[in-house]
Amino acid sequence: MRINEKDVIVVREAIRLYEELTGNACTIEIKYDVTKIVNEYAEEDQKPYCLIETAELKQILLKWDDAVRNKYAE
């Protein structure tokens, strides 16, 4: 699974109401205001998911992309 800011943008700009990405270890459910990240292998004593504001997730992804681009541009 690869998540990028485009997945978040289509939801934040109301192009779609919901976007779901699934990988080996987690599922990401992106909604306009809140994104839910589900750990598919959570232990019994662990919370199986966490919530993050979608706008905050977008900012994290943009910073990540910038960091990767800068690292490999050298």
C-alpha atoms as a PDB file:
ATOM      1  CA  MET A   1       0.000   0.000   0.000  1.00  0.00           C
ATOM      2  CA  ARG A   2       1.228   3.444  -0.828  1.00  0.00           C
ATOM      3  CA  ILE A   3      -0.607   6.462   0.521  1.00  0.00           C
ATOM      4  CA  ASN A   4       0.077   9.901  -0.843  1.00  0.00           C
ATOM      5  CA  GLU A   5      -1.399  13.354  -0.609  1.00  0.00           C
ATOM      6  CA  LYS A   6      -3.535  12.768  -3.726  1.00  0.00           C
ATOM      7  CA  ASP A   7      -5.565  10.170  -1.801  1.00  0.00           C
ATOM      8  CA  VAL A   8      -6.225  12.756   0.886  1.00  0.00           C
ATOM      9  CA  ILE A   9      -6.895  15.593  -1.557  1.00  0.00           C
ATOM     10  CA  VAL A  10      -9.689  13.740  -3.395  1.00  0.00           C
ATOM     11  CA  VAL A  11     -11.517  13.401  -0.081  1.00  0.00           C
ATOM     12  CA  ARG A  12     -10.700  16.860   1.311  1.00  0.00           C
ATOM     13  CA  GLU A  13     -11.862  18.549  -1.895  1.00  0.00           C
ATOM     14  CA  ALA A  14     -15.100  16.518  -1.818  1.00  0.00           C
ATOM     15  CA  ILE A  15     -14.327  14.718  -5.066  1.00  0.00           C
ATOM     16  CA  ARG A  16     -15.090  11.557  -3.105  1.00  0.00           C
ATOM     17  CA  LEU A  17     -16.660  11.199   0.333  1.00  0.00           C
ATOM     18  CA  TYR A  18     -14.445   8.301   1.354  1.00  0.00           C
ATOM     19  CA  GLU A  19     -11.217   6.613   0.298  1.00  0.00           C
ATOM     20  CA  GLU A  20      -9.922   3.288   1.633  1.00  0.00           C
ATOM     21  CA  LEU A  21      -6.403   1.922   1.194  1.00  0.00           C
ATOM     22  CA  THR A  22      -5.458  -1.555   2.334  1.00  0.00           C
ATOM     23  CA  GLY A  23      -2.037  -3.102   2.783  1.00  0.00           C
ATOM     24  CA  ASN A  24      -0.447  -6.031   4.544  1.00  0.00           C
ATOM     25  CA  ALA A  25      -0.515  -4.580   8.033  1.00  0.00           C
ATOM     26  CA  CYS A  26      -3.049  -1.774   8.051  1.00  0.00           C
ATOM     27  CA  THR A  27      -6.103  -0.247   6.472  1.00  0.00           C
ATOM     28  CA  ILE A  28      -6.514   3.509   6.109  1.00  0.00           C
ATOM     29  CA  GLU A  29     -10.026   4.940   5.927  1.00  0.00           C
ATOM     30  CA  ILE A  30      -9.884   8.571   4.774  1.00  0.00           C
ATOM     31  CA  LYS A  31     -12.930  10.757   5.366  1.00  0.00           C
ATOM     32  CA  TYR A  32     -13.234  14.514   5.008  1.00  0.00           C
ATOM     33  CA  ASP A  33     -12.507  15.417   8.616  1.00  0.00           C
ATOM     34  CA  VAL A  34     -10.991  12.305  10.221  1.00  0.00           C
ATOM     35  CA  THR A  35      -8.826   9.446   8.998  1.00  0.00           C
ATOM     36  CA  LYS A  36      -8.842   6.081  10.739  1.00  0.00           C
ATOM     37  CA  ILE A  37      -5.735   3.878  10.598  1.00  0.00           C
ATOM     38  CA  VAL A  38      -6.497   0.275  11.526  1.00  0.00           C
ATOM     39  CA  ASN A  39      -3.707  -2.083  12.646  1.00  0.00           C
ATOM     40  CA  GLU A  40      -4.709  -5.470  11.250  1.00  0.00           C
ATOM     41  CA  TYR A  41      -2.374  -7.261  13.681  1.00  0.00           C
ATOM     42  CA  ALA A  42      -3.088  -5.421  16.922  1.00  0.00           C
ATOM     43  CA  GLU A  43      -2.476  -7.430  20.067  1.00  0.00           C
ATOM     44  CA  GLU A  44      -5.298  -7.925  22.569  1.00  0.00           C
ATOM     45  CA  ASP A  45      -3.937  -5.214  24.864  1.00  0.00           C
ATOM     46  CA  GLN A  46      -3.529  -2.709  22.015  1.00  0.00           C
ATOM     47  CA  LYS A  47      -6.068  -0.357  20.528  1.00  0.00           C
ATOM     48  CA  PRO A  48      -6.680  -1.692  17.005  1.00  0.00           C
ATOM     49  CA  TYR A  49      -6.911   1.760  15.400  1.00  0.00           C
ATOM     50  CA  CYS A  50      -5.974   5.404  15.753  1.00  0.00           C
ATOM     51  CA  LEU A  51      -7.615   8.570  14.475  1.00  0.00           C
ATOM     52  CA  ILE A  52      -5.940  11.608  12.928  1.00  0.00           C
ATOM     53  CA  GLU A  53      -7.440  14.737  11.453  1.00  0.00           C
ATOM     54  CA  THR A  54      -7.346  14.404   7.682  1.00  0.00           C
ATOM     55  CA  ALA A  55      -5.915  17.915   7.262  1.00  0.00           C
ATOM     56  CA  GLU A  56      -3.057  16.979   9.618  1.00  0.00           C
ATOM     57  CA  LEU A  57      -2.423  13.747   7.714  1.00  0.00           C
ATOM     58  CA  LYS A  58      -2.206  15.737   4.483  1.00  0.00           C
ATOM     59  CA  GLN A  59       0.421  18.048   6.019  1.00  0.00           C
ATOM     60  CA  ILE A  60       2.469  15.054   7.231  1.00  0.00           C
ATOM     61  CA  LEU A  61       2.371  13.479   3.765  1.00  0.00           C
ATOM     62  CA  LEU A  62       3.424  16.728   2.091  1.00  0.00           C
ATOM     63  CA  LYS A  63       6.376  17.068   4.484  1.00  0.00           C
ATOM     64  CA  TRP A  64       7.306  13.428   3.891  1.00  0.00           C
ATOM     65  CA  ASP A  65       7.254  13.913   0.110  1.00  0.00           C
ATOM     66  CA  ASP A  66       9.446  17.019   0.430  1.00  0.00           C
ATOM     67  CA  ALA A  67      11.927  15.158   2.640  1.00  0.00           C
ATOM     68  CA  VAL A  68      12.160  12.214   0.233  1.00  0.00           C
ATOM     69  CA  ARG A  69      12.447  14.480  -2.800  1.00  0.00           C
ATOM     70  CA  ASN A  70      15.227  16.506  -1.118  1.00  0.00           C
ATOM     71  CA  LYS A  71      17.108  13.393  -0.026  1.00  0.00           C
ATOM     72  CA  TYR A  72      17.200  11.847  -3.486  1.00  0.00           C
ATOM     73  CA  ALA A  73      17.695  15.092  -5.409  1.00  0.00           C
ATOM     74  CA  GLU A  74      21.289  15.326  -4.194  1.00  0.00           C
END
